[in-house]
Amino acid sequence: MSAKFKAGTLIRNILKADTEIFSIVGENIFPLVAPKETVGDIILYQRDEYSKEYTNMGVANEKCKVYVEAISDDYDKSQSLAELINATLEGKHEGIVIRLEDSTEDYADGKYLQVLLFSVN
């Protein structure tokens, strides 16, 4: 199975290995949605795209995009966590390159969300 198909798992492992991020969120790094009883700051991730480009010779390129959300009760803390996530993920990891493509912010259910879109190549 392609590493890009499991890009979310790779991203989770990179984030959990970072001591500064782990000191803020602990084990609160989840795919898609956090359990209802989760308290504190949270990181969610979701693979948005995994596609292949083909030539007559086979697969020429694989594309993958992953959304990562920094979620907190405190706006400034959500921004700081997003900065840490970006600094930790940006670059080469295990043979793939992760780059920030876009970011936005939102507010929902009393929480501030910093949404980061990463490409994985």
PDB file of N, CA and C in Angstrom:
ATOM      1  N   MET A   1       0.855  -1.190   0.000  1.00  0.00           N
ATOM      2  CA  MET A   1       0.000   0.000   0.000  1.00  0.00           C
ATOM      3  C   MET A   1       0.895   1.245   0.000  1.00  0.00           C
ATOM      4  N   SER A   2       0.481   2.238  -0.724  1.00  0.00           N
ATOM      5  CA  SER A   2       1.259   3.457  -0.864  1.00  0.00           C
ATOM      6  C   SER A   2       1.352   4.232   0.446  1.00  0.00           C
ATOM      7  N   ALA A   3       2.522   4.813   0.696  1.00  0.00           N
ATOM      8  CA  ALA A   3       2.701   5.650   1.882  1.00  0.00           C
ATOM      9  C   ALA A   3       1.760   6.851   1.835  1.00  0.00           C
ATOM     10  N   LYS A   4       1.436   7.300   0.635  1.00  0.00           N
ATOM     11  CA  LYS A   4       0.547   8.447   0.516  1.00  0.00           C
ATOM     12  C   LYS A   4      -0.889   8.090   0.894  1.00  0.00           C
ATOM     13  N   PHE A   5      -1.271   6.836   0.678  1.00  0.00           N
ATOM     14  CA  PHE A   5      -2.595   6.393   1.089  1.00  0.00           C
ATOM     15  C   PHE A   5      -2.724   6.447   2.607  1.00  0.00           C
ATOM     16  N   LYS A   6      -1.609   6.264   3.288  1.00  0.00           N
ATOM     17  CA  LYS A   6      -1.571   6.313   4.750  1.00  0.00           C
ATOM     18  C   LYS A   6      -0.950   7.615   5.254  1.00  0.00           C
ATOM     19  N   ALA A   7      -1.076   8.671   4.482  1.00  0.00           N
ATOM     20  CA  ALA A   7      -0.454   9.951   4.839  1.00  0.00           C
ATOM     21  C   ALA A   7      -0.948  10.477   6.178  1.00  0.00           C
ATOM     22  N   GLY A   8      -2.223  10.290   6.488  1.00  0.00           N
ATOM     23  CA  GLY A   8      -2.753  10.744   7.767  1.00  0.00           C
ATOM     24  C   GLY A   8      -2.074  10.063   8.938  1.00  0.00           C
ATOM     25  N   THR A   9      -1.850   8.770   8.812  1.00  0.00           N
ATOM     26  CA  THR A   9      -1.165   8.013   9.865  1.00  0.00           C
ATOM     27  C   THR A   9       0.266   8.508  10.025  1.00  0.00           C
ATOM     28  N   LEU A  10       0.947   8.744   8.917  1.00  0.00           N
ATOM     29  CA  LEU A  10       2.312   9.272   8.977  1.00  0.00           C
ATOM     30  C   LEU A  10       2.328  10.635   9.668  1.00  0.00           C
ATOM     31  N   ILE A  11       1.397  11.497   9.295  1.00  0.00           N
ATOM     32  CA  ILE A  11       1.317  12.827   9.904  1.00  0.00           C
ATOM     33  C   ILE A  11       1.051  12.717  11.403  1.00  0.00           C
ATOM     34  N   ARG A  12       0.136  11.848  11.804  1.00  0.00           N
ATOM     35  CA  ARG A  12      -0.124  11.649  13.235  1.00  0.00           C
ATOM     36  C   ARG A  12       1.146  11.230  13.959  1.00  0.00           C
ATOM     37  N   ASN A  13       1.887  10.290  13.400  1.00  0.00           N
ATOM     38  CA  ASN A  13       3.113   9.814  14.038  1.00  0.00           C
ATOM     39  C   ASN A  13       4.168  10.912  14.158  1.00  0.00           C
ATOM     40  N   ILE A  14       4.286  11.742  13.134  1.00  0.00           N
ATOM     41  CA  ILE A  14       5.232  12.865  13.183  1.00  0.00           C
ATOM     42  C   ILE A  14       4.828  13.841  14.288  1.00  0.00           C
ATOM     43  N   LEU A  15       3.542  14.162  14.358  1.00  0.00           N
ATOM     44  CA  LEU A  15       3.063  15.102  15.370  1.00  0.00           C
ATOM     45  C   LEU A  15       3.234  14.544  16.786  1.00  0.00           C
ATOM     46  N   LYS A  16       2.929  13.268  16.981  1.00  0.00           N
ATOM     47  CA  LYS A  16       3.074  12.652  18.305  1.00  0.00           C
ATOM     48  C   LYS A  16       4.525  12.591  18.750  1.00  0.00           C
ATOM     49  N   ALA A  17       5.447  12.477  17.799  1.00  0.00           N
ATOM     50  CA  ALA A  17       6.866  12.390  18.131  1.00  0.00           C
ATOM     51  C   ALA A  17       7.461  13.738  18.539  1.00  0.00           C
ATOM     52  N   ASP A  18       6.772  14.830  18.219  1.00  0.00           N
ATOM     53  CA  ASP A  18       7.268  16.155  18.580  1.00  0.00           C
ATOM     54  C   ASP A  18       6.934  16.434  20.048  1.00  0.00           C
ATOM     55  N   THR A  19       7.947  16.616  20.866  1.00  0.00           N
ATOM     56  CA  THR A  19       7.726  16.764  22.315  1.00  0.00           C
ATOM     57  C   THR A  19       6.944  18.025  22.660  1.00  0.00           C
ATOM     58  N   GLU A  20       7.145  19.099  21.923  1.00  0.00           N
ATOM     59  CA  GLU A  20       6.424  20.340  22.220  1.00  0.00           C
ATOM     60  C   GLU A  20       4.925  20.195  21.910  1.00  0.00           C
ATOM     61  N   ILE A  21       4.620  19.610  20.772  1.00  0.00           N
ATOM     62  CA  ILE A  21       3.213  19.380  20.427  1.00  0.00           C
ATOM     63  C   ILE A  21       2.592  18.396  21.412  1.00  0.00           C
ATOM     64  N   PHE A  22       3.319  17.319  21.723  1.00  0.00           N
ATOM     65  CA  PHE A  22       2.788  16.323  22.657  1.00  0.00           C
ATOM     66  C   PHE A  22       2.541  16.930  24.034  1.00  0.00           C
ATOM     67  N   SER A  23       3.382  17.889  24.442  1.00  0.00           N
ATOM     68  CA  SER A  23       3.173  18.526  25.750  1.00  0.00           C
ATOM     69  C   SER A  23       1.886  19.358  25.780  1.00  0.00           C
ATOM     70  N   ILE A  24       1.410  19.784  24.626  1.00  0.00           N
ATOM     71  CA  ILE A  24       0.188  20.591  24.549  1.00  0.00           C
ATOM     72  C   ILE A  24      -1.054  19.711  24.416  1.00  0.00           C
ATOM     73  N   VAL A  25      -1.017  18.743  23.498  1.00  0.00           N
ATOM     74  CA  VAL A  25      -2.225  17.959  23.210  1.00  0.00           C
ATOM     75  C   VAL A  25      -2.189  16.537  23.762  1.00  0.00           C
ATOM     76  N   GLY A  26      -1.030  16.047  24.153  1.00  0.00           N
ATOM     77  CA  GLY A  26      -0.938  14.669  24.625  1.00  0.00           C
ATOM     78  C   GLY A  26      -1.379  13.701  23.551  1.00  0.00           C
ATOM     79  N   GLU A  27      -2.271  12.795  23.900  1.00  0.00           N
ATOM     80  CA  GLU A  27      -2.775  11.791  22.957  1.00  0.00           C
ATOM     81  C   GLU A  27      -3.946  12.303  22.121  1.00  0.00           C
ATOM     82  N   ASN A  28      -4.306  13.573  22.248  1.00  0.00           N
ATOM     83  CA  ASN A  28      -5.480  14.133  21.572  1.00  0.00           C
ATOM     84  C   ASN A  28      -5.211  14.474  20.105  1.00  0.00           C
ATOM     85  N   ILE A  29      -4.765  13.476  19.354  1.00  0.00           N
ATOM     86  CA  ILE A  29      -4.553  13.594  17.915  1.00  0.00           C
ATOM     87  C   ILE A  29      -5.373  12.483  17.267  1.00  0.00           C
ATOM     88  N   PHE A  30      -6.415  12.868  16.508  1.00  0.00           N
ATOM     89  CA  PHE A  30      -7.391  11.902  16.017  1.00  0.00           C
ATOM     90  C   PHE A  30      -7.657  12.067  14.522  1.00  0.00           C
ATOM     91  N   PRO A  31      -8.004  10.958  13.846  1.00  0.00           N
ATOM     92  CA  PRO A  31      -8.478  11.072  12.468  1.00  0.00           C
ATOM     93  C   PRO A  31      -9.944  11.505  12.454  1.00  0.00           C
ATOM     94  N   LEU A  32     -10.264  12.471  11.647  1.00  0.00           N
ATOM     95  CA  LEU A  32     -11.627  12.927  11.346  1.00  0.00           C
ATOM     96  C   LEU A  32     -12.371  13.590  12.501  1.00  0.00           C
ATOM     97  N   VAL A  33     -12.520  12.923  13.637  1.00  0.00           N
ATOM     98  CA  VAL A  33     -13.333  13.467  14.724  1.00  0.00           C
ATOM     99  C   VAL A  33     -12.787  12.972  16.067  1.00  0.00           C
ATOM    100  N   ALA A  34     -12.891  13.832  17.076  1.00  0.00           N
ATOM    101  CA  ALA A  34     -12.467  13.451  18.429  1.00  0.00           C
ATOM    102  C   ALA A  34     -13.640  12.820  19.168  1.00  0.00           C
ATOM    103  N   PRO A  35     -13.368  11.865  20.052  1.00  0.00           N
ATOM    104  CA  PRO A  35     -14.446  11.324  20.885  1.00  0.00           C
ATOM    105  C   PRO A  35     -15.100  12.441  21.701  1.00  0.00           C
ATOM    106  N   LYS A  36     -16.391  12.310  21.968  1.00  0.00           N
ATOM    107  CA  LYS A  36     -17.145  13.364  22.654  1.00  0.00           C
ATOM    108  C   LYS A  36     -16.568  13.726  24.016  1.00  0.00           C
ATOM    109  N   GLU A  37     -15.998  12.775  24.724  1.00  0.00           N
ATOM    110  CA  GLU A  37     -15.495  13.036  26.068  1.00  0.00           C
ATOM    111  C   GLU A  37     -14.098  13.675  26.090  1.00  0.00           C
ATOM    112  N   THR A  38     -13.526  13.962  24.919  1.00  0.00           N
ATOM    113  CA  THR A  38     -12.190  14.542  24.841  1.00  0.00           C
ATOM    114  C   THR A  38     -12.183  15.960  25.398  1.00  0.00           C
ATOM    115  N   VAL A  39     -11.235  16.240  26.288  1.00  0.00           N
ATOM    116  CA  VAL A  39     -11.076  17.584  26.845  1.00  0.00           C
ATOM    117  C   VAL A  39      -9.692  18.112  26.483  1.00  0.00           C
ATOM    118  N   GLY A  40      -9.561  19.441  26.484  1.00  0.00           N
ATOM    119  CA  GLY A  40      -8.280  20.063  26.184  1.00  0.00           C
ATOM    120  C   GLY A  40      -8.119  20.360  24.705  1.00  0.00           C
ATOM    121  N   ASP A  41      -6.920  20.731  24.344  1.00  0.00           N
ATOM    122  CA  ASP A  41      -6.608  21.046  22.956  1.00  0.00           C
ATOM    123  C   ASP A  41      -6.530  19.760  22.139  1.00  0.00           C
ATOM    124  N   ILE A  42      -6.886  19.883  20.854  1.00  0.00           N
ATOM    125  CA  ILE A  42      -7.023  18.713  19.995  1.00  0.00           C
ATOM    126  C   ILE A  42      -6.400  19.003  18.630  1.00  0.00           C
ATOM    127  N   ILE A  43      -5.869  17.960  18.024  1.00  0.00           N
ATOM    128  CA  ILE A  43      -5.474  18.004  16.617  1.00  0.00           C
ATOM    129  C   ILE A  43      -6.270  16.925  15.883  1.00  0.00           C
ATOM    130  N   LEU A  44      -6.934  17.332  14.800  1.00  0.00           N
ATOM    131  CA  LEU A  44      -7.631  16.396  13.930  1.00  0.00           C
ATOM    132  C   LEU A  44      -6.938  16.393  12.574  1.00  0.00           C
ATOM    133  N   TYR A  45      -6.970  15.254  11.898  1.00  0.00           N
ATOM    134  CA  TYR A  45      -6.413  15.183  10.545  1.00  0.00           C
ATOM    135  C   TYR A  45      -7.354  14.380   9.657  1.00  0.00           C
ATOM    136  N   GLN A  46      -7.325  14.723   8.368  1.00  0.00           N
ATOM    137  CA  GLN A  46      -8.202  14.052   7.411  1.00  0.00           C
ATOM    138  C   GLN A  46      -7.569  14.093   6.032  1.00  0.00           C
ATOM    139  N   ARG A  47      -7.412  12.923   5.417  1.00  0.00           N
ATOM    140  CA  ARG A  47      -6.913  12.879   4.048  1.00  0.00           C
ATOM    141  C   ARG A  47      -8.034  13.350   3.134  1.00  0.00           C
ATOM    142  N   ASP A  48      -7.739  14.327   2.305  1.00  0.00           N
ATOM    143  CA  ASP A  48      -8.743  14.898   1.410  1.00  0.00           C
ATOM    144  C   ASP A  48      -8.618  14.341  -0.003  1.00  0.00           C
ATOM    145  N   GLU A  49      -7.433  13.972  -0.376  1.00  0.00           N
ATOM    146  CA  GLU A  49      -7.220  13.502  -1.751  1.00  0.00           C
ATOM    147  C   GLU A  49      -6.101  12.488  -1.760  1.00  0.00           C
ATOM    148  N   TYR A  50      -6.287  11.453  -2.523  1.00  0.00           N
ATOM    149  CA  TYR A  50      -5.214  10.554  -2.909  1.00  0.00           C
ATOM    150  C   TYR A  50      -5.524  10.140  -4.331  1.00  0.00           C
ATOM    151  N   SER A  51      -4.708  10.568  -5.265  1.00  0.00           N
ATOM    152  CA  SER A  51      -4.959  10.252  -6.666  1.00  0.00           C
ATOM    153  C   SER A  51      -3.647   9.931  -7.364  1.00  0.00           C
ATOM    154  N   LYS A  52      -3.774   9.287  -8.503  1.00  0.00           N
ATOM    155  CA  LYS A  52      -2.606   8.905  -9.303  1.00  0.00           C
ATOM    156  C   LYS A  52      -2.749   9.465 -10.714  1.00  0.00           C
ATOM    157  N   GLU A  53      -1.623   9.856 -11.262  1.00  0.00           N
ATOM    158  CA  GLU A  53      -1.569  10.245 -12.663  1.00  0.00           C
ATOM    159  C   GLU A  53      -0.825   9.141 -13.404  1.00  0.00           C
ATOM    160  N   TYR A  54      -1.388   8.704 -14.534  1.00  0.00           N
ATOM    161  CA  TYR A  54      -0.830   7.581 -15.265  1.00  0.00           C
ATOM    162  C   TYR A  54      -0.269   8.014 -16.615  1.00  0.00           C
ATOM    163  N   THR A  55       0.749   7.293 -17.051  1.00  0.00           N
ATOM    164  CA  THR A  55       1.253   7.367 -18.418  1.00  0.00           C
ATOM    165  C   THR A  55       1.170   5.954 -18.983  1.00  0.00           C
ATOM    166  N   ASN A  56       1.601   5.776 -20.217  1.00  0.00           N
ATOM    167  CA  ASN A  56       1.631   4.433 -20.806  1.00  0.00           C
ATOM    168  C   ASN A  56       2.584   3.505 -20.064  1.00  0.00           C
ATOM    169  N   MET A  57       3.511   4.075 -19.322  1.00  0.00           N
ATOM    170  CA  MET A  57       4.497   3.286 -18.579  1.00  0.00           C
ATOM    171  C   MET A  57       4.014   2.931 -17.170  1.00  0.00           C
ATOM    172  N   GLY A  58       2.884   3.479 -16.754  1.00  0.00           N
ATOM    173  CA  GLY A  58       2.371   3.194 -15.408  1.00  0.00           C
ATOM    174  C   GLY A  58       2.103   4.474 -14.642  1.00  0.00           C
ATOM    175  N   VAL A  59       2.234   4.395 -13.347  1.00  0.00           N
ATOM    176  CA  VAL A  59       1.970   5.547 -12.479  1.00  0.00           C
ATOM    177  C   VAL A  59       3.116   6.553 -12.617  1.00  0.00           C
ATOM    178  N   ALA A  60       2.780   7.788 -12.974  1.00  0.00           N
ATOM    179  CA  ALA A  60       3.783   8.837 -13.138  1.00  0.00           C
ATOM    180  C   ALA A  60       3.895   9.704 -11.891  1.00  0.00           C
ATOM    181  N   ASN A  61       2.777   9.850 -11.170  1.00  0.00           N
ATOM    182  CA  ASN A  61       2.775  10.736 -10.004  1.00  0.00           C
ATOM    183  C   ASN A  61       1.618  10.357  -9.094  1.00  0.00           C
ATOM    184  N   GLU A  62       1.837  10.518  -7.809  1.00  0.00           N
ATOM    185  CA  GLU A  62       0.781  10.322  -6.825  1.00  0.00           C
ATOM    186  C   GLU A  62       0.591  11.639  -6.083  1.00  0.00           C
ATOM    187  N   LYS A  63      -0.662  12.010  -5.859  1.00  0.00           N
ATOM    188  CA  LYS A  63      -0.958  13.254  -5.145  1.00  0.00           C
ATOM    189  C   LYS A  63      -1.774  12.928  -3.905  1.00  0.00           C
ATOM    190  N   CYS A  64      -1.470  13.655  -2.858  1.00  0.00           N
ATOM    191  CA  CYS A  64      -2.206  13.469  -1.616  1.00  0.00           C
ATOM    192  C   CYS A  64      -2.288  14.811  -0.907  1.00  0.00           C
ATOM    193  N   LYS A  65      -3.445  15.071  -0.314  1.00  0.00           N
ATOM    194  CA  LYS A  65      -3.628  16.272   0.496  1.00  0.00           C
ATOM    195  C   LYS A  65      -4.257  15.860   1.816  1.00  0.00           C
ATOM    196  N   VAL A  66      -3.789  16.498   2.879  1.00  0.00           N
ATOM    197  CA  VAL A  66      -4.282  16.191   4.217  1.00  0.00           C
ATOM    198  C   VAL A  66      -4.588  17.497   4.944  1.00  0.00           C
ATOM    199  N   TYR A  67      -5.799  17.569   5.504  1.00  0.00           N
ATOM    200  CA  TYR A  67      -6.164  18.687   6.367  1.00  0.00           C
ATOM    201  C   TYR A  67      -5.751  18.353   7.794  1.00  0.00           C
ATOM    202  N   VAL A  68      -5.154  19.318   8.474  1.00  0.00           N
ATOM    203  CA  VAL A  68      -4.810  19.181   9.886  1.00  0.00           C
ATOM    204  C   VAL A  68      -5.412  20.376  10.605  1.00  0.00           C
ATOM    205  N   GLU A  69      -6.189  20.115  11.669  1.00  0.00           N
ATOM    206  CA  GLU A  69      -6.858  21.177  12.416  1.00  0.00           C
ATOM    207  C   GLU A  69      -6.288  21.269  13.826  1.00  0.00           C
ATOM    208  N   ALA A  70      -5.928  22.481  14.237  1.00  0.00           N
ATOM    209  CA  ALA A  70      -5.542  22.772  15.620  1.00  0.00           C
ATOM    210  C   ALA A  70      -6.770  23.377  16.290  1.00  0.00           C
ATOM    211  N   ILE A  71      -7.255  22.745  17.354  1.00  0.00           N
ATOM    212  CA  ILE A  71      -8.513  23.144  17.984  1.00  0.00           C
ATOM    213  C   ILE A  71      -8.263  23.462  19.455  1.00  0.00           C
ATOM    214  N   SER A  72      -8.751  24.636  19.885  1.00  0.00           N
ATOM    215  CA  SER A  72      -8.536  25.062  21.266  1.00  0.00           C
ATOM    216  C   SER A  72      -9.666  25.983  21.723  1.00  0.00           C
ATOM    217  N   ASP A  73      -9.848  26.074  23.035  1.00  0.00           N
ATOM    218  CA  ASP A  73     -10.785  27.043  23.612  1.00  0.00           C
ATOM    219  C   ASP A  73     -10.242  28.462  23.502  1.00  0.00           C
ATOM    220  N   ASP A  74      -8.929  28.591  23.332  1.00  0.00           N
ATOM    221  CA  ASP A  74      -8.242  29.876  23.323  1.00  0.00           C
ATOM    222  C   ASP A  74      -7.709  30.172  21.913  1.00  0.00           C
ATOM    223  N   TYR A  75      -8.074  31.334  21.378  1.00  0.00           N
ATOM    224  CA  TYR A  75      -7.683  31.698  20.012  1.00  0.00           C
ATOM    225  C   TYR A  75      -6.165  31.733  19.833  1.00  0.00           C
ATOM    226  N   ASP A  76      -5.475  32.433  20.736  1.00  0.00           N
ATOM    227  CA  ASP A  76      -4.021  32.543  20.611  1.00  0.00           C
ATOM    228  C   ASP A  76      -3.343  31.179  20.694  1.00  0.00           C
ATOM    229  N   LYS A  77      -3.852  30.330  21.544  1.00  0.00           N
ATOM    230  CA  LYS A  77      -3.279  28.988  21.685  1.00  0.00           C
ATOM    231  C   LYS A  77      -3.503  28.177  20.411  1.00  0.00           C
ATOM    232  N   SER A  78      -4.669  28.347  19.773  1.00  0.00           N
ATOM    233  CA  SER A  78      -4.915  27.631  18.516  1.00  0.00           C
ATOM    234  C   SER A  78      -3.929  28.079  17.444  1.00  0.00           C
ATOM    235  N   GLN A  79      -3.625  29.366  17.403  1.00  0.00           N
ATOM    236  CA  GLN A  79      -2.654  29.874  16.430  1.00  0.00           C
ATOM    237  C   GLN A  79      -1.251  29.348  16.722  1.00  0.00           C
ATOM    238  N   SER A  80      -0.869  29.349  17.989  1.00  0.00           N
ATOM    239  CA  SER A  80       0.461  28.838  18.358  1.00  0.00           C
ATOM    240  C   SER A  80       0.596  27.361  18.017  1.00  0.00           C
ATOM    241  N   LEU A  81      -0.453  26.608  18.272  1.00  0.00           N
ATOM    242  CA  LEU A  81      -0.434  25.181  17.944  1.00  0.00           C
ATOM    243  C   LEU A  81      -0.338  24.984  16.434  1.00  0.00           C
ATOM    244  N   ALA A  82      -1.054  25.788  15.661  1.00  0.00           N
ATOM    245  CA  ALA A  82      -0.982  25.698  14.192  1.00  0.00           C
ATOM    246  C   ALA A  82       0.437  26.001  13.704  1.00  0.00           C
ATOM    247  N   GLU A  83       1.088  26.992  14.301  1.00  0.00           N
ATOM    248  CA  GLU A  83       2.470  27.306  13.927  1.00  0.00           C
ATOM    249  C   GLU A  83       3.399  26.135  14.215  1.00  0.00           C
ATOM    250  N   LEU A  84       3.212  25.486  15.357  1.00  0.00           N
ATOM    251  CA  LEU A  84       4.022  24.315  15.703  1.00  0.00           C
ATOM    252  C   LEU A  84       3.780  23.162  14.729  1.00  0.00           C
ATOM    253  N   ILE A  85       2.529  22.937  14.395  1.00  0.00           N
ATOM    254  CA  ILE A  85       2.184  21.879  13.447  1.00  0.00           C
ATOM    255  C   ILE A  85       2.869  22.132  12.116  1.00  0.00           C
ATOM    256  N   ASN A  86       2.779  23.359  11.615  1.00  0.00           N
ATOM    257  CA  ASN A  86       3.406  23.697  10.338  1.00  0.00           C
ATOM    258  C   ASN A  86       4.917  23.489  10.395  1.00  0.00           C
ATOM    259  N   ALA A  87       5.552  23.980  11.445  1.00  0.00           N
ATOM    260  CA  ALA A  87       7.007  23.848  11.572  1.00  0.00           C
ATOM    261  C   ALA A  87       7.426  22.381  11.664  1.00  0.00           C
ATOM    262  N   THR A  88       6.621  21.577  12.312  1.00  0.00           N
ATOM    263  CA  THR A  88       6.942  20.161  12.491  1.00  0.00           C
ATOM    264  C   THR A  88       6.740  19.363  11.208  1.00  0.00           C
ATOM    265  N   LEU A  89       5.690  19.651  10.462  1.00  0.00           N
ATOM    266  CA  LEU A  89       5.370  18.852   9.276  1.00  0.00           C
ATOM    267  C   LEU A  89       6.107  19.290   8.024  1.00  0.00           C
ATOM    268  N   GLU A  90       6.370  20.576   7.881  1.00  0.00           N
ATOM    269  CA  GLU A  90       6.972  21.104   6.657  1.00  0.00           C
ATOM    270  C   GLU A  90       8.349  20.476   6.421  1.00  0.00           C
ATOM    271  N   GLY A  91       8.522  19.853   5.243  1.00  0.00           N
ATOM    272  CA  GLY A  91       9.826  19.295   4.894  1.00  0.00           C
ATOM    273  C   GLY A  91       9.754  17.829   4.516  1.00  0.00           C
ATOM    274  N   LYS A  92      10.930  17.160   4.545  1.00  0.00           N
ATOM    275  CA  LYS A  92      11.030  15.757   4.153  1.00  0.00           C
ATOM    276  C   LYS A  92      10.863  14.852   5.363  1.00  0.00           C
ATOM    277  N   HIS A  93      10.071  13.784   5.168  1.00  0.00           N
ATOM    278  CA  HIS A  93       9.839  12.783   6.205  1.00  0.00           C
ATOM    279  C   HIS A  93       9.695  11.424   5.536  1.00  0.00           C
ATOM    280  N   GLU A  94      10.552  10.476   5.912  1.00  0.00           N
ATOM    281  CA  GLU A  94      10.423   9.094   5.447  1.00  0.00           C
ATOM    282  C   GLU A  94      10.202   9.000   3.941  1.00  0.00           C
ATOM    283  N   GLY A  95      10.958   9.748   3.168  1.00  0.00           N
ATOM    284  CA  GLY A  95      10.879   9.657   1.717  1.00  0.00           C
ATOM    285  C   GLY A  95       9.777  10.470   1.064  1.00  0.00           C
ATOM    286  N   ILE A  96       9.010  11.223   1.833  1.00  0.00           N
ATOM    287  CA  ILE A  96       7.983  12.077   1.249  1.00  0.00           C
ATOM    288  C   ILE A  96       8.246  13.524   1.654  1.00  0.00           C
ATOM    289  N   VAL A  97       7.654  14.433   0.900  1.00  0.00           N
ATOM    290  CA  VAL A  97       7.799  15.858   1.189  1.00  0.00           C
ATOM    291  C   VAL A  97       6.422  16.412   1.536  1.00  0.00           C
ATOM    292  N   ILE A  98       6.343  17.122   2.658  1.00  0.00           N
ATOM    293  CA  ILE A  98       5.090  17.720   3.117  1.00  0.00           C
ATOM    294  C   ILE A  98       5.234  19.233   3.012  1.00  0.00           C
ATOM    295  N   ARG A  99       4.248  19.870   2.382  1.00  0.00           N
ATOM    296  CA  ARG A  99       4.255  21.329   2.192  1.00  0.00           C
ATOM    297  C   ARG A  99       2.891  21.902   2.535  1.00  0.00           C
ATOM    298  N   LEU A 100       2.893  23.054   3.195  1.00  0.00           N
ATOM    299  CA  LEU A 100       1.644  23.759   3.476  1.00  0.00           C
ATOM    300  C   LEU A 100       1.144  24.407   2.188  1.00  0.00           C
ATOM    301  N   GLU A 101      -0.116  24.155   1.842  1.00  0.00           N
ATOM    302  CA  GLU A 101      -0.720  24.738   0.647  1.00  0.00           C
ATOM    303  C   GLU A 101      -1.663  25.873   0.975  1.00  0.00           C
ATOM    304  N   ASP A 102      -2.369  25.762   2.091  1.00  0.00           N
ATOM    305  CA  ASP A 102      -3.377  26.755   2.419  1.00  0.00           C
ATOM    306  C   ASP A 102      -3.700  26.652   3.906  1.00  0.00           C
ATOM    307  N   SER A 103      -4.272  27.716   4.438  1.00  0.00           N
ATOM    308  CA  SER A 103      -4.741  27.683   5.823  1.00  0.00           C
ATOM    309  C   SER A 103      -5.912  28.645   5.969  1.00  0.00           C
ATOM    310  N   THR A 104      -6.749  28.340   6.926  1.00  0.00           N
ATOM    311  CA  THR A 104      -7.893  29.179   7.233  1.00  0.00           C
ATOM    312  C   THR A 104      -8.218  28.988   8.703  1.00  0.00           C
ATOM    313  N   GLU A 105      -9.145  29.780   9.211  1.00  0.00           N
ATOM    314  CA  GLU A 105      -9.559  29.594  10.597  1.00  0.00           C
ATOM    315  C   GLU A 105     -11.073  29.638  10.683  1.00  0.00           C
ATOM    316  N   ASP A 106     -11.577  29.094  11.781  1.00  0.00           N
ATOM    317  CA  ASP A 106     -13.022  28.996  11.953  1.00  0.00           C
ATOM    318  C   ASP A 106     -13.323  28.968  13.449  1.00  0.00           C
ATOM    319  N   TYR A 107     -14.591  29.027  13.762  1.00  0.00           N
ATOM    320  CA  TYR A 107     -15.054  28.928  15.137  1.00  0.00           C
ATOM    321  C   TYR A 107     -16.300  28.053  15.137  1.00  0.00           C
ATOM    322  N   ALA A 108     -16.309  27.023  15.981  1.00  0.00           N
ATOM    323  CA  ALA A 108     -17.458  26.121  16.039  1.00  0.00           C
ATOM    324  C   ALA A 108     -17.531  25.487  17.421  1.00  0.00           C
ATOM    325  N   ASP A 109     -18.735  25.369  17.932  1.00  0.00           N
ATOM    326  CA  ASP A 109     -18.978  24.697  19.213  1.00  0.00           C
ATOM    327  C   ASP A 109     -18.107  25.246  20.344  1.00  0.00           C
ATOM    328  N   GLY A 110     -17.891  26.562  20.346  1.00  0.00           N
ATOM    329  CA  GLY A 110     -17.108  27.181  21.412  1.00  0.00           C
ATOM    330  C   GLY A 110     -15.611  26.971  21.294  1.00  0.00           C
ATOM    331  N   LYS A 111     -15.137  26.521  20.126  1.00  0.00           N
ATOM    332  CA  LYS A 111     -13.711  26.243  19.914  1.00  0.00           C
ATOM    333  C   LYS A 111     -13.188  27.022  18.713  1.00  0.00           C
ATOM    334  N   TYR A 112     -11.925  27.418  18.811  1.00  0.00           N
ATOM    335  CA  TYR A 112     -11.230  28.071  17.699  1.00  0.00           C
ATOM    336  C   TYR A 112     -10.499  26.998  16.899  1.00  0.00           C
ATOM    337  N   LEU A 113     -10.659  27.053  15.578  1.00  0.00           N
ATOM    338  CA  LEU A 113     -10.046  26.074  14.689  1.00  0.00           C
ATOM    339  C   LEU A 113      -9.088  26.765  13.732  1.00  0.00           C
ATOM    340  N   GLN A 114      -7.889  26.259  13.673  1.00  0.00           N
ATOM    341  CA  GLN A 114      -6.913  26.659  12.669  1.00  0.00           C
ATOM    342  C   GLN A 114      -6.779  25.471  11.730  1.00  0.00           C
ATOM    343  N   VAL A 115      -7.186  25.653  10.468  1.00  0.00           N
ATOM    344  CA  VAL A 115      -7.232  24.556   9.509  1.00  0.00           C
ATOM    345  C   VAL A 115      -6.080  24.723   8.518  1.00  0.00           C
ATOM    346  N   LEU A 116      -5.210  23.724   8.459  1.00  0.00           N
ATOM    347  CA  LEU A 116      -4.035  23.742   7.585  1.00  0.00           C
ATOM    348  C   LEU A 116      -4.189  22.649   6.537  1.00  0.00           C
ATOM    349  N   LEU A 117      -3.957  22.986   5.265  1.00  0.00           N
ATOM    350  CA  LEU A 117      -4.007  22.013   4.181  1.00  0.00           C
ATOM    351  C   LEU A 117      -2.585  21.737   3.705  1.00  0.00           C
ATOM    352  N   PHE A 118      -2.173  20.477   3.809  1.00  0.00           N
ATOM    353  CA  PHE A 118      -0.825  20.070   3.409  1.00  0.00           C
ATOM    354  C   PHE A 118      -0.891  19.178   2.185  1.00  0.00           C
ATOM    355  N   SER A 119       0.077  19.371   1.265  1.00  0.00           N
ATOM    356  CA  SER A 119       0.253  18.433   0.168  1.00  0.00           C
ATOM    357  C   SER A 119       1.364  17.465   0.576  1.00  0.00           C
ATOM    358  N   VAL A 120       1.190  16.220   0.174  1.00  0.00           N
ATOM    359  CA  VAL A 120       2.158  15.177   0.490  1.00  0.00           C
ATOM    360  C   VAL A 120       2.613  14.586  -0.830  1.00  0.00           C
ATOM    361  N   ASN A 121       3.905  14.764  -1.150  1.00  0.00           N
ATOM    362  CA  ASN A 121       4.457  14.274  -2.418  1.00  0.00           C
ATOM    363  C   ASN A 121       5.645  13.361  -2.168  1.00  0.00           C
TER     364      ASN A 121
END
